[in-house]
Amino acid sequence: MDKGTVVRTIALAIAWVNALLAQYGLQPIPVIDEESIAYGLAFLASVWTWFKNNYVTIKGKQQREQLRKNGLAK
């Protein structure tokens, strides 16, 4: 596995452990407060959505150009 996969897996595990602890009324792992987590997730979702829905990479620009050539995009 690469480093990114390991980091994402650990982050996912921490998030689920915190969710389960909160569900059962136990003290969650004091990593960051809930508001910071909510803002962080909203920020990441916004950036990811913007990135995936716009042609900002070289590959994306090439895809847009092909769509234009085939009359499928403006």
N, C-alpha and C. Protein backbone atom coordinates (compact mmCIF):
# COMPACT_ATOMS: atom_id res chain seq x y z
N MET A 1 0.84 -1.19 0.00
CA MET A 1 0.00 0.00 0.00
C MET A 1 0.88 1.25 0.00
N ASP A 2 0.38 2.30 -0.63
CA ASP A 2 1.12 3.56 -0.63
C ASP A 2 0.76 4.37 0.62
N LYS A 3 1.50 5.43 0.87
CA LYS A 3 1.32 6.24 2.07
C LYS A 3 -0.07 6.87 2.12
N GLY A 4 -0.57 7.32 0.97
CA GLY A 4 -1.88 7.95 0.92
C GLY A 4 -2.99 7.01 1.37
N THR A 5 -2.90 5.76 0.94
CA THR A 5 -3.90 4.76 1.33
C THR A 5 -3.86 4.52 2.83
N VAL A 6 -2.67 4.43 3.38
CA VAL A 6 -2.53 4.21 4.83
C VAL A 6 -3.10 5.38 5.61
N VAL A 7 -2.76 6.60 5.20
CA VAL A 7 -3.26 7.80 5.91
C VAL A 7 -4.78 7.88 5.83
N ARG A 8 -5.34 7.64 4.65
CA ARG A 8 -6.80 7.70 4.50
C ARG A 8 -7.48 6.62 5.33
N THR A 9 -6.88 5.44 5.39
CA THR A 9 -7.46 4.35 6.18
C THR A 9 -7.43 4.68 7.67
N ILE A 10 -6.33 5.23 8.15
CA ILE A 10 -6.23 5.62 9.56
C ILE A 10 -7.23 6.72 9.88
N ALA A 11 -7.33 7.72 9.01
CA ALA A 11 -8.29 8.81 9.24
C ALA A 11 -9.72 8.29 9.27
N LEU A 12 -10.04 7.37 8.38
CA LEU A 12 -11.37 6.78 8.35
C LEU A 12 -11.65 6.01 9.63
N ALA A 13 -10.67 5.24 10.10
CA ALA A 13 -10.83 4.47 11.33
C ALA A 13 -11.05 5.39 12.52
N ILE A 14 -10.28 6.47 12.61
CA ILE A 14 -10.46 7.43 13.71
C ILE A 14 -11.84 8.07 13.67
N ALA A 15 -12.27 8.43 12.47
CA ALA A 15 -13.60 9.04 12.33
C ALA A 15 -14.69 8.09 12.80
N TRP A 16 -14.60 6.81 12.42
CA TRP A 16 -15.62 5.83 12.83
C TRP A 16 -15.56 5.54 14.31
N VAL A 17 -14.36 5.45 14.87
CA VAL A 17 -14.24 5.22 16.32
C VAL A 17 -14.87 6.39 17.07
N ASN A 18 -14.57 7.62 16.63
CA ASN A 18 -15.17 8.80 17.27
C ASN A 18 -16.68 8.78 17.15
N ALA A 19 -17.20 8.42 15.99
CA ALA A 19 -18.65 8.38 15.78
C ALA A 19 -19.29 7.34 16.70
N LEU A 20 -18.68 6.18 16.81
CA LEU A 20 -19.23 5.13 17.68
C LEU A 20 -19.15 5.52 19.16
N LEU A 21 -18.05 6.13 19.56
CA LEU A 21 -17.94 6.58 20.94
C LEU A 21 -19.00 7.62 21.27
N ALA A 22 -19.20 8.57 20.36
CA ALA A 22 -20.23 9.59 20.57
C ALA A 22 -21.62 8.97 20.60
N GLN A 23 -21.86 7.99 19.76
CA GLN A 23 -23.16 7.31 19.69
C GLN A 23 -23.51 6.65 21.01
N TYR A 24 -22.52 6.06 21.66
CA TYR A 24 -22.76 5.35 22.91
C TYR A 24 -22.55 6.23 24.14
N GLY A 25 -22.43 7.55 23.94
CA GLY A 25 -22.32 8.48 25.05
C GLY A 25 -20.97 8.48 25.74
N LEU A 26 -19.95 7.98 25.10
CA LEU A 26 -18.61 7.95 25.67
C LEU A 26 -17.81 9.15 25.16
N GLN A 27 -16.72 9.44 25.83
CA GLN A 27 -15.86 10.56 25.45
C GLN A 27 -15.13 10.24 24.14
N PRO A 28 -15.38 11.02 23.08
CA PRO A 28 -14.66 10.78 21.82
C PRO A 28 -13.17 11.09 21.97
N ILE A 29 -12.40 10.63 21.02
CA ILE A 29 -10.96 10.91 21.01
C ILE A 29 -10.78 12.41 20.84
N PRO A 30 -10.09 13.06 21.76
CA PRO A 30 -9.95 14.53 21.68
C PRO A 30 -8.91 14.97 20.65
N VAL A 31 -9.22 14.76 19.38
CA VAL A 31 -8.30 15.15 18.32
C VAL A 31 -8.52 16.62 17.99
N ILE A 32 -9.72 16.94 17.57
CA ILE A 32 -10.12 18.30 17.22
C ILE A 32 -11.58 18.44 17.62
N ASP A 33 -12.01 19.68 17.91
CA ASP A 33 -13.41 19.86 18.28
C ASP A 33 -14.33 19.62 17.07
N GLU A 34 -15.59 19.36 17.35
CA GLU A 34 -16.54 18.98 16.31
C GLU A 34 -16.74 20.08 15.27
N GLU A 35 -16.73 21.32 15.70
CA GLU A 35 -16.94 22.43 14.76
C GLU A 35 -15.81 22.50 13.74
N SER A 36 -14.59 22.31 14.19
CA SER A 36 -13.44 22.33 13.27
C SER A 36 -13.53 21.18 12.27
N ILE A 37 -13.97 20.02 12.75
CA ILE A 37 -14.13 18.87 11.85
C ILE A 37 -15.20 19.16 10.81
N ALA A 38 -16.32 19.74 11.23
CA ALA A 38 -17.40 20.06 10.30
C ALA A 38 -16.94 21.07 9.24
N TYR A 39 -16.23 22.12 9.68
CA TYR A 39 -15.72 23.11 8.72
C TYR A 39 -14.69 22.48 7.78
N GLY A 40 -13.83 21.64 8.32
CA GLY A 40 -12.82 20.98 7.50
C GLY A 40 -13.45 20.08 6.44
N LEU A 41 -14.45 19.30 6.84
CA LEU A 41 -15.13 18.43 5.88
C LEU A 41 -15.87 19.24 4.82
N ALA A 42 -16.51 20.33 5.23
CA ALA A 42 -17.21 21.18 4.26
C ALA A 42 -16.22 21.79 3.27
N PHE A 43 -15.07 22.22 3.78
CA PHE A 43 -14.04 22.79 2.91
C PHE A 43 -13.54 21.76 1.91
N LEU A 44 -13.21 20.57 2.41
CA LEU A 44 -12.70 19.52 1.52
C LEU A 44 -13.74 19.10 0.49
N ALA A 45 -14.99 18.98 0.90
CA ALA A 45 -16.05 18.62 -0.06
C ALA A 45 -16.21 19.70 -1.12
N SER A 46 -16.12 20.96 -0.71
CA SER A 46 -16.26 22.08 -1.66
C SER A 46 -15.13 22.08 -2.67
N VAL A 47 -13.91 21.94 -2.19
CA VAL A 47 -12.75 21.95 -3.09
C VAL A 47 -12.79 20.75 -4.03
N TRP A 48 -13.13 19.58 -3.49
CA TRP A 48 -13.19 18.37 -4.32
C TRP A 48 -14.26 18.51 -5.40
N THR A 49 -15.43 19.02 -5.03
CA THR A 49 -16.51 19.20 -5.99
C THR A 49 -16.11 20.21 -7.06
N TRP A 50 -15.50 21.31 -6.65
CA TRP A 50 -15.05 22.31 -7.61
C TRP A 50 -14.03 21.69 -8.57
N PHE A 51 -13.08 20.95 -8.02
CA PHE A 51 -12.02 20.36 -8.83
C PHE A 51 -12.58 19.35 -9.82
N LYS A 52 -13.51 18.50 -9.38
CA LYS A 52 -14.05 17.46 -10.24
C LYS A 52 -15.03 18.02 -11.29
N ASN A 53 -15.65 19.15 -11.02
CA ASN A 53 -16.66 19.68 -11.94
C ASN A 53 -16.12 20.79 -12.84
N ASN A 54 -14.84 21.04 -12.78
CA ASN A 54 -14.23 22.05 -13.64
C ASN A 54 -13.01 21.44 -14.32
N TYR A 55 -12.68 22.00 -15.45
CA TYR A 55 -11.55 21.49 -16.22
C TYR A 55 -10.29 22.27 -15.84
N VAL A 56 -9.70 21.95 -14.67
CA VAL A 56 -8.56 22.70 -14.18
C VAL A 56 -7.23 22.01 -14.41
N THR A 57 -7.24 20.73 -14.70
CA THR A 57 -5.99 20.02 -14.95
C THR A 57 -5.75 19.95 -16.46
N ILE A 58 -4.55 19.58 -16.82
CA ILE A 58 -4.22 19.44 -18.24
C ILE A 58 -5.10 18.37 -18.87
N LYS A 59 -5.27 17.26 -18.17
CA LYS A 59 -6.14 16.19 -18.68
C LYS A 59 -7.57 16.67 -18.84
N GLY A 60 -8.05 17.45 -17.87
CA GLY A 60 -9.40 17.98 -17.94
C GLY A 60 -9.58 18.93 -19.12
N LYS A 61 -8.57 19.74 -19.37
CA LYS A 61 -8.64 20.67 -20.52
C LYS A 61 -8.65 19.89 -21.83
N GLN A 62 -7.89 18.79 -21.89
CA GLN A 62 -7.91 17.96 -23.09
C GLN A 62 -9.28 17.30 -23.27
N GLN A 63 -9.89 16.88 -22.17
CA GLN A 63 -11.23 16.28 -22.25
C GLN A 63 -12.24 17.30 -22.75
N ARG A 64 -12.17 18.53 -22.23
CA ARG A 64 -13.09 19.58 -22.67
C ARG A 64 -12.92 19.86 -24.16
N GLU A 65 -11.69 19.87 -24.62
CA GLU A 65 -11.41 20.12 -26.03
C GLU A 65 -12.02 19.01 -26.90
N GLN A 66 -11.91 17.76 -26.47
CA GLN A 66 -12.51 16.65 -27.22
C GLN A 66 -14.03 16.76 -27.23
N LEU A 67 -14.61 17.14 -26.10
CA LEU A 67 -16.06 17.33 -26.05
C LEU A 67 -16.50 18.44 -27.02
N ARG A 68 -15.73 19.51 -27.06
CA ARG A 68 -16.06 20.61 -27.98
C ARG A 68 -15.95 20.16 -29.44
N LYS A 69 -14.92 19.39 -29.75
CA LYS A 69 -14.74 18.91 -31.12
C LYS A 69 -15.89 18.03 -31.57
N ASN A 70 -16.46 17.28 -30.62
CA ASN A 70 -17.56 16.39 -30.93
C ASN A 70 -18.92 17.03 -30.73
N GLY A 71 -18.95 18.32 -30.42
CA GLY A 71 -20.20 19.05 -30.27
C GLY A 71 -20.97 18.68 -29.00
N LEU A 72 -20.28 18.20 -27.98
CA LEU A 72 -20.94 17.79 -26.75
C LEU A 72 -20.80 18.80 -25.62
N ALA A 73 -20.03 19.86 -25.83
CA ALA A 73 -19.83 20.90 -24.81
C ALA A 73 -19.74 22.25 -25.50
N LYS A 74 -19.95 23.27 -24.70
CA LYS A 74 -19.86 24.65 -25.23
C LYS A 74 -18.45 25.12 -25.28
